[in-house]
C-alpha cells in the first residue's frame, strides 16, 4: 500500500479528501461539511438527542490487532447505540481526530471507509468535525445527534417494582474476543511470519471488532407496542448498567444466572481461559446489547419476541440488587465492569 504523509496536503486538504463526496440523506440535515458549522433542523414534535464518545489509542483500542476500517465502523456504531438506548434514531455525527505522524493519508482514509460504511448502514449523515495533530497516537471524538418523539424517549430512571428485566442478544462474547486478541498478540509478539489461528472463534472476534447497534430491537418493541420503562445499552457490563438503572430508578433487582444469555463460543473460550463464564457475561462489557425493563403486563408479548431474554425482575429498593445462582444462592451484584479511571485512584 502506498503511503502519503498528511503534511503533503495539510489539515484542510485531508478534510476535503475525506468528505468531498458526502451526500446528506436525512431531512433534518440542512447543511453539512464545508462551513463554520453544520445546519440541522428538527420538527417541533421531536426532541433532539446528543451523545459523545472519546476513544484513545492505548486505552480503548490497540492497533496491533484492530484494523483501522473496523475501528471507524465501531467508533460510529457505539454512538448510534447510545441514541437507540434512549429509544431514538441517530441522524448525524461529527467526527474529530487527533492524528500522530505515524499515520498516513491512506490510514485515515481506511478509518473513514469503516466510519462511512456504518453511516450508510444506519442512515446517518456525517455533518462536520475537526482534525489536529497528536503526540501520543490516535484520538477519536465522535458526537452523534438523534431524534425521538417527545413522549417516546426512555430514560434510566423509570423502572418500577415488579417490572421485568430483559436483555437483547447474548453477553460476554465481545469480552472473550478481546481476551483472545490479547492472547494472540502476546504469543506472536515479534514474529512477523506467524499467523494466529482464529478458526471457530469468528463470532467472538466480530463481537469485539465489529459490534452492531440494536436498531432492530427498538423497531420490534415499537411494532409490538411495548414501551420499556427504563433502558441502557451494555457498554461497561450487565452488572454495572443494571446498577445504574436501579440507582437512578431507586429500586432493587433480582436476576437469575440460568437466564443470562451466553453464546456457545463464549462458553468454550471462557473454559479455555479458565475464567468464570457468568463473571464474563456480567462484567465483560462492549456487547452493545440493550438492557431494559418492561411492565409485568407485557410478560406474554416479551416472552414471544425472538432475540430478547427475560433475566429477572425489579424489586423494592430495600431488597438490594442480587444475582440468584443456579443453585439458588443469592450474591450481591457489584459493578466490576471496565472503569477507565480506576488505575488513577490512590
Protein backbone atom coordinates (compact mmCIF):
# COMPACT_ATOMS: atom_id res chain seq x y z
CA UNK A 1 0.00 0.00 0.00
CA UNK A 2 1.33 3.44 -0.92
CA UNK A 3 1.94 5.87 1.92
CA UNK A 4 1.38 9.61 1.64
CA UNK A 5 2.35 11.89 4.51
CA UNK A 6 -0.57 14.02 5.74
CA UNK A 7 1.74 17.06 5.74
CA UNK A 8 1.78 16.96 1.90
CA UNK A 9 -1.86 18.11 1.73
CA UNK A 10 -2.33 19.68 5.19
CA UNK A 11 -5.36 19.65 7.50
CA UNK A 12 -7.85 21.23 5.11
CA UNK A 13 -6.67 19.07 2.25
CA UNK A 14 -7.19 15.99 4.40
CA UNK A 15 -10.70 17.05 5.46
CA UNK A 16 -11.59 17.82 1.84
CA UNK A 17 -10.29 14.44 0.69
CA UNK A 18 -12.23 12.57 3.40
CA UNK A 19 -15.52 14.42 2.98
CA UNK A 20 -15.75 15.83 -0.56
CA UNK A 21 -18.29 13.29 -1.88
CA UNK A 22 -20.51 13.00 1.23
CA UNK A 23 -24.20 13.29 0.31
CA UNK A 24 -26.72 14.13 3.03
CA UNK A 25 -29.68 11.74 3.30
CA UNK A 26 -31.66 12.93 6.33
CA UNK A 27 -34.24 15.69 6.02
CA UNK A 28 -33.01 17.21 9.28
CA UNK A 29 -29.50 17.68 7.77
CA UNK A 30 -29.76 21.04 6.01
CA UNK A 31 -26.05 21.76 5.54
CA UNK A 32 -23.07 19.59 6.42
CA UNK A 33 -19.30 19.76 5.97
CA UNK A 34 -17.84 22.89 4.35
CA UNK A 35 -18.73 25.86 6.55
CA UNK A 36 -18.11 27.08 10.11
CA UNK A 37 -20.97 24.94 11.41
CA UNK A 38 -23.47 22.37 10.20
CA UNK A 39 -27.13 23.38 9.94
CA UNK A 40 -29.76 20.99 11.31
CA UNK A 41 -33.49 21.42 11.66
CA UNK A 42 -35.92 19.28 13.62
CA UNK A 43 -39.74 19.38 13.63
CA UNK A 44 -41.29 20.77 16.84
CA UNK A 45 -42.85 17.44 17.89
CA UNK A 46 -39.38 15.85 18.05
CA UNK A 47 -36.73 16.18 20.72
CA UNK A 48 -33.02 16.23 19.89
CA UNK A 49 -30.73 13.64 21.49
CA UNK A 50 -26.97 14.27 21.70
CA UNK A 51 -24.25 11.85 22.80
CA UNK A 52 -20.49 11.99 22.55
CA UNK A 53 -17.70 9.44 22.86
CA UNK A 54 -13.93 9.79 23.14
CA UNK A 55 -11.68 6.86 22.13
CA UNK A 56 -7.96 6.94 22.91
CA UNK A 57 -5.34 4.68 21.38
CA UNK A 58 -3.77 2.50 24.05
CA UNK A 59 -6.77 2.91 26.36
CA UNK A 60 -9.81 1.98 24.24
CA UNK A 61 -8.21 0.25 21.26
CA UNK A 62 -4.95 -1.40 20.21
CA UNK A 63 -3.95 -1.00 16.57
CA UNK A 64 -1.77 -4.13 16.77
CA UNK A 65 -4.95 -6.15 16.19
CA UNK A 66 -7.71 -3.62 15.40
CA UNK A 67 -7.87 -2.82 11.66
CA UNK A 68 -8.48 0.90 11.03
CA UNK A 69 -11.56 0.13 8.92
CA UNK A 70 -13.11 -1.84 11.81
CA UNK A 71 -12.16 0.95 14.21
CA UNK A 72 -14.01 3.50 12.09
CA UNK A 73 -17.10 1.29 11.96
CA UNK A 74 -17.06 0.60 15.71
CA UNK A 75 -16.42 4.25 16.65
CA UNK A 76 -19.61 5.23 14.83
CA UNK A 77 -21.76 2.31 15.98
CA UNK A 78 -21.07 2.76 19.71
CA UNK A 79 -22.50 6.27 19.43
CA UNK A 80 -25.56 5.10 17.48
CA UNK A 81 -26.13 2.55 20.25
CA UNK A 82 -26.46 5.33 22.85
CA UNK A 83 -29.19 7.02 20.78
CA UNK A 84 -31.10 3.74 20.32
CA UNK A 85 -30.82 3.18 24.09
CA UNK A 86 -32.91 6.36 24.54
CA UNK A 87 -35.46 4.92 22.05
CA UNK A 88 -34.35 7.42 19.42
CA UNK A 89 -32.94 7.35 15.88
CA UNK A 90 -29.39 8.56 15.11
CA UNK A 91 -29.33 11.13 12.30
CA UNK A 92 -25.99 12.96 12.22
CA UNK A 93 -22.43 12.64 13.52
CA UNK A 94 -19.44 14.94 13.77
CA UNK A 95 -16.00 13.32 13.74
CA UNK A 96 -12.86 14.80 15.29
CA UNK A 97 -9.47 13.12 15.03
CA UNK A 98 -6.11 13.82 16.67
CA UNK A 99 -3.51 12.12 14.46
CA UNK A 100 0.17 11.41 15.11
CA UNK A 101 2.84 11.48 12.40
CA UNK A 102 2.94 7.71 12.04
CA UNK A 103 -0.45 7.78 10.25
CA UNK A 104 -0.58 8.37 6.52
CA UNK A 105 -3.43 9.77 4.40
CA UNK A 106 -4.24 6.20 3.34
CA UNK A 107 -4.55 5.13 7.01
CA UNK A 108 -7.09 7.84 7.77
CA UNK A 109 -8.98 7.06 4.56
CA UNK A 110 -9.20 3.45 5.73
CA UNK A 111 -10.66 4.62 9.06
CA UNK A 112 -13.18 6.77 7.18
CA UNK A 113 -14.16 3.84 4.94
CA UNK A 114 -15.35 1.96 8.04
CA UNK A 115 -16.97 5.06 9.50
CA UNK A 116 -18.88 5.77 6.30
CA UNK A 117 -19.93 2.14 5.97
CA UNK A 118 -21.54 2.36 9.42
CA UNK A 119 -23.24 5.63 8.49
CA UNK A 120 -24.65 4.10 5.29
CA UNK A 121 -25.84 1.03 7.18
CA UNK A 122 -27.68 3.08 9.83
CA UNK A 123 -28.71 6.02 7.57
CA UNK A 124 -26.67 8.64 9.42
CA UNK A 125 -25.09 11.80 7.94
CA UNK A 126 -21.52 12.98 8.61
CA UNK A 127 -22.00 16.74 9.03
CA UNK A 128 -18.72 18.02 10.44
CA UNK A 129 -15.69 17.52 12.64
CA UNK A 130 -12.08 18.54 13.03
CA UNK A 131 -8.56 17.17 12.71
CA UNK A 132 -5.44 18.12 14.63
CA UNK A 133 -2.01 16.69 15.33
CA UNK A 134 -1.27 14.41 18.27
CA UNK A 135 1.96 13.49 20.04
CA UNK A 136 0.51 10.27 21.51
CA UNK A 137 -1.12 8.25 18.75
CA UNK A 138 -4.73 8.42 17.58
CA UNK A 139 -7.64 10.01 19.45
CA UNK A 140 -11.21 9.86 18.12
CA UNK A 141 -14.05 12.03 19.33
CA UNK A 142 -17.49 11.47 17.83
CA UNK A 143 -20.68 13.36 18.64
CA UNK A 144 -23.94 11.81 17.48
CA UNK A 145 -27.21 13.69 17.15
CA UNK A 146 -30.50 11.86 17.03
CA UNK A 147 -34.21 12.45 17.33
CA UNK A 148 -37.17 10.96 19.18
CA UNK A 149 -40.82 11.77 19.68
CA UNK A 150 -41.26 13.74 22.90
CA UNK A 151 -43.36 11.06 24.55
CA UNK A 152 -41.29 8.07 23.45
CA UNK A 153 -37.86 8.86 24.99
CA UNK A 154 -36.81 6.24 27.54
CA UNK A 155 -34.56 7.18 30.45
CA UNK A 156 -32.67 5.09 33.02
CA UNK A 157 -34.85 6.24 35.90
CA UNK A 158 -38.26 4.76 35.04
CA UNK A 159 -38.01 1.17 36.33
CA UNK A 160 -40.79 0.24 38.77
CA UNK A 161 -41.22 -2.56 41.29
CA UNK A 162 -42.40 -5.83 39.60
CA UNK A 163 -41.10 -4.69 36.16
CA UNK A 164 -39.38 -7.44 34.17
CA UNK A 165 -35.67 -7.12 33.31
CA UNK A 166 -34.76 -8.03 29.71
CA UNK A 167 -31.64 -8.12 27.56
CA UNK A 168 -31.19 -8.48 23.81
CA UNK A 169 -28.76 -10.90 22.14
CA UNK A 170 -26.09 -12.59 24.24
CA UNK A 171 -23.45 -11.34 26.66
CA UNK A 172 -19.72 -11.80 27.23
CA UNK A 173 -18.72 -12.54 23.62
CA UNK A 174 -17.04 -9.16 22.98
CA UNK A 175 -15.00 -9.54 26.17
CA UNK A 176 -13.90 -13.05 25.21
CA UNK A 177 -12.99 -11.73 21.75
CA UNK A 178 -10.75 -9.16 23.43
CA UNK A 179 -9.10 -11.83 25.62
CA UNK A 180 -8.45 -13.91 22.51
CA UNK A 181 -6.88 -10.98 20.62
CA UNK A 182 -4.72 -10.03 23.61
CA UNK A 183 -3.52 -13.62 23.98
CA UNK A 184 -2.58 -13.94 20.30
CA UNK A 185 -0.83 -10.56 20.44
CA UNK A 186 1.41 -11.72 23.31
CA UNK A 187 2.00 -15.19 21.79
CA UNK A 188 3.11 -13.83 18.41
CA UNK A 189 4.97 -10.72 19.58
CA UNK A 190 7.77 -10.02 17.18
CA UNK A 191 7.05 -12.99 14.90
CA UNK A 192 6.01 -11.45 11.62
CA UNK A 193 5.54 -14.68 9.71
CA UNK A 194 3.28 -16.50 12.16
CA UNK A 195 -0.47 -16.12 11.65
CA UNK A 196 -2.81 -16.57 14.64
CA UNK A 197 -5.49 -19.23 14.29
CA UNK A 198 -8.96 -17.83 14.93
CA UNK A 199 -10.96 -20.59 13.23
CA UNK A 200 -14.13 -21.45 15.10
CA UNK A 201 -13.90 -18.21 17.06
CA UNK A 202 -15.10 -15.80 14.37
CA UNK A 203 -18.22 -14.77 16.31
CA UNK A 204 -16.15 -13.60 19.29
CA UNK A 205 -13.86 -11.53 17.07
CA UNK A 206 -16.80 -9.97 15.23
CA UNK A 207 -18.45 -9.00 18.53
CA UNK A 208 -15.26 -7.24 19.63
CA UNK A 209 -14.10 -5.72 16.33
CA UNK A 210 -17.41 -5.02 14.55
CA UNK A 211 -20.28 -4.64 17.02
CA UNK A 212 -23.75 -3.64 15.84
CA UNK A 213 -26.26 -1.26 17.43
CA UNK A 214 -29.62 -2.92 18.12
CA UNK A 215 -31.88 -0.79 15.92
CA UNK A 216 -33.77 -3.99 15.10
CA UNK A 217 -34.81 -4.49 18.74
CA UNK A 218 -36.07 -0.89 19.02
CA UNK A 219 -38.14 -1.43 15.88
CA UNK A 220 -39.52 -4.75 17.14
CA UNK A 221 -40.53 -3.31 20.52
CA UNK A 222 -42.37 -0.46 18.78
CA UNK A 223 -44.16 -2.90 16.45
CA UNK A 224 -45.28 -4.94 19.49
CA UNK A 225 -46.47 -1.73 21.25
CA UNK A 226 -44.05 -2.34 24.12
CA UNK A 227 -42.56 0.78 25.69
CA UNK A 228 -39.77 -0.06 28.16
CA UNK A 229 -39.86 1.79 31.47
CA UNK A 230 -36.04 2.13 31.60
CA UNK A 231 -33.28 1.30 29.10
CA UNK A 232 -29.50 1.40 28.59
CA UNK A 233 -27.02 -0.12 26.21
CA UNK A 234 -24.47 -2.53 27.67
CA UNK A 235 -21.07 -0.94 27.16
CA UNK A 236 -19.47 -1.45 30.60
CA UNK A 237 -21.06 -4.79 31.56
CA UNK A 238 -24.52 -6.00 32.60
CA UNK A 239 -23.89 -5.58 36.37
CA UNK A 240 -22.69 -2.02 36.01
CA UNK A 241 -25.56 -0.95 33.73
CA UNK A 242 -28.24 -2.68 35.83
CA UNK A 243 -26.93 -0.93 38.95
CA UNK A 244 -27.19 2.40 37.09
CA UNK A 245 -30.85 1.70 36.32
CA UNK A 246 -31.60 0.58 39.90
CA UNK A 247 -29.78 3.57 41.45
CA UNK A 248 -31.48 6.11 39.21
CA UNK A 249 -34.89 4.43 39.50
CA UNK A 250 -34.48 3.96 43.30
CA UNK A 251 -35.32 0.24 43.12
CA UNK A 252 -33.68 -3.16 43.74
CA UNK A 253 -33.44 -6.16 41.41
CA UNK A 254 -33.10 -9.92 41.16
CA UNK A 255 -31.52 -11.52 38.11
CA UNK A 256 -31.08 -15.25 37.57
CA UNK A 257 -27.79 -16.78 36.45
CA UNK A 258 -29.53 -19.54 34.47
CA UNK A 259 -31.38 -16.97 32.32
CA UNK A 260 -28.36 -14.85 31.28
CA UNK A 261 -27.96 -15.42 27.50
CA UNK A 262 -24.49 -16.69 26.57
CA UNK A 263 -23.28 -17.94 23.18
CA UNK A 264 -21.64 -21.36 22.87
CA UNK A 265 -18.35 -19.89 21.57
CA UNK A 266 -18.20 -17.61 24.63
CA UNK A 267 -18.61 -20.61 26.94
CA UNK A 268 -15.90 -22.62 25.14
CA UNK A 269 -13.48 -19.68 25.25
CA UNK A 270 -14.12 -18.99 28.96
CA UNK A 271 -13.31 -22.62 29.71
CA UNK A 272 -10.12 -22.39 27.64
CA UNK A 273 -9.06 -19.31 29.63
CA UNK A 274 -10.19 -20.89 32.90
CA UNK A 275 -12.49 -17.94 33.55
CA UNK A 276 -15.86 -17.90 35.30
CA UNK A 277 -18.42 -17.70 32.49
CA UNK A 278 -21.07 -15.81 34.48
CA UNK A 279 -18.49 -13.24 35.61
CA UNK A 280 -17.53 -12.66 31.94
CA UNK A 281 -21.18 -12.18 30.97
CA UNK A 282 -21.90 -9.86 33.92
CA UNK A 283 -18.80 -7.68 33.73
CA UNK A 284 -17.23 -8.05 30.27
CA UNK A 285 -18.73 -5.02 28.54
CA UNK A 286 -18.67 -3.84 24.92
CA UNK A 287 -21.62 -6.06 23.98
CA UNK A 288 -23.75 -3.03 22.94
CA UNK A 289 -26.86 -5.07 23.60
CA UNK A 290 -29.91 -3.39 25.13
CA UNK A 291 -30.83 -3.81 28.79
CA UNK A 292 -34.37 -2.69 29.56
CA UNK A 293 -37.30 -3.10 31.92
CA UNK A 294 -40.94 -3.58 30.90
CA UNK A 295 -44.19 -3.68 32.90
CA UNK A 296 -45.21 -7.17 34.06
CA UNK A 297 -48.34 -6.83 31.90
CA UNK A 298 -46.08 -7.21 28.83
CA UNK A 299 -44.81 -10.62 30.01
CA UNK A 300 -46.53 -12.64 27.30
CA UNK A 301 -45.55 -10.29 24.47
CA UNK A 302 -41.92 -10.05 25.54
CA UNK A 303 -41.63 -13.84 26.08
CA UNK A 304 -42.57 -14.43 22.43
CA UNK A 305 -40.03 -11.97 20.98
CA UNK A 306 -37.03 -13.53 19.31
CA UNK A 307 -33.63 -12.24 20.42
CA UNK A 308 -34.85 -10.98 23.81
CA UNK A 309 -34.29 -12.83 27.07
CA UNK A 310 -36.11 -12.25 30.34
CA UNK A 311 -33.44 -12.40 33.07
CA UNK A 312 -35.13 -11.15 36.24
CA UNK A 313 -37.36 -8.54 37.86
CA UNK A 314 -37.30 -5.23 39.71
CA UNK A 315 -37.88 -5.29 43.49
CA UNK A 316 -38.28 -2.86 46.41
CA UNK A 317 -35.09 -0.82 46.99
CA UNK A 318 -34.50 -2.30 50.47
CA UNK A 319 -34.07 -5.75 48.91
CA UNK A 320 -30.91 -4.55 47.17
CA UNK A 321 -29.52 -5.83 43.85
CA UNK A 322 -28.72 -9.53 43.64
CA UNK A 323 -27.81 -12.39 41.33
CA UNK A 324 -29.51 -15.71 42.09
CA UNK A 325 -27.10 -18.53 41.21
CA UNK A 326 -28.08 -21.80 39.55
CA UNK A 327 -28.16 -23.49 42.96
CA UNK A 328 -30.39 -20.80 44.48
CA UNK A 329 -27.76 -18.80 46.35
CA UNK A 330 -28.01 -15.01 46.44
CA UNK A 331 -25.00 -12.82 45.63
CA UNK A 332 -24.85 -9.04 45.77
CA UNK A 333 -24.42 -7.50 42.32
CA UNK A 334 -21.24 -5.45 42.06
CA UNK A 335 -20.13 -3.11 39.29
CA UNK A 336 -16.90 -4.76 38.19
CA UNK A 337 -17.17 -3.59 34.61
CA UNK A 338 -14.49 -1.57 32.85
CA UNK A 339 -13.59 1.66 34.63
CA UNK A 340 -11.07 3.74 32.67
CA UNK A 341 -10.17 5.83 35.72
CA UNK A 342 -9.70 3.09 38.32
CA UNK A 343 -5.91 2.85 37.97
CA UNK A 344 -5.52 6.54 38.75
CA UNK A 345 -7.17 6.25 42.17
CA UNK A 346 -4.74 6.44 45.05
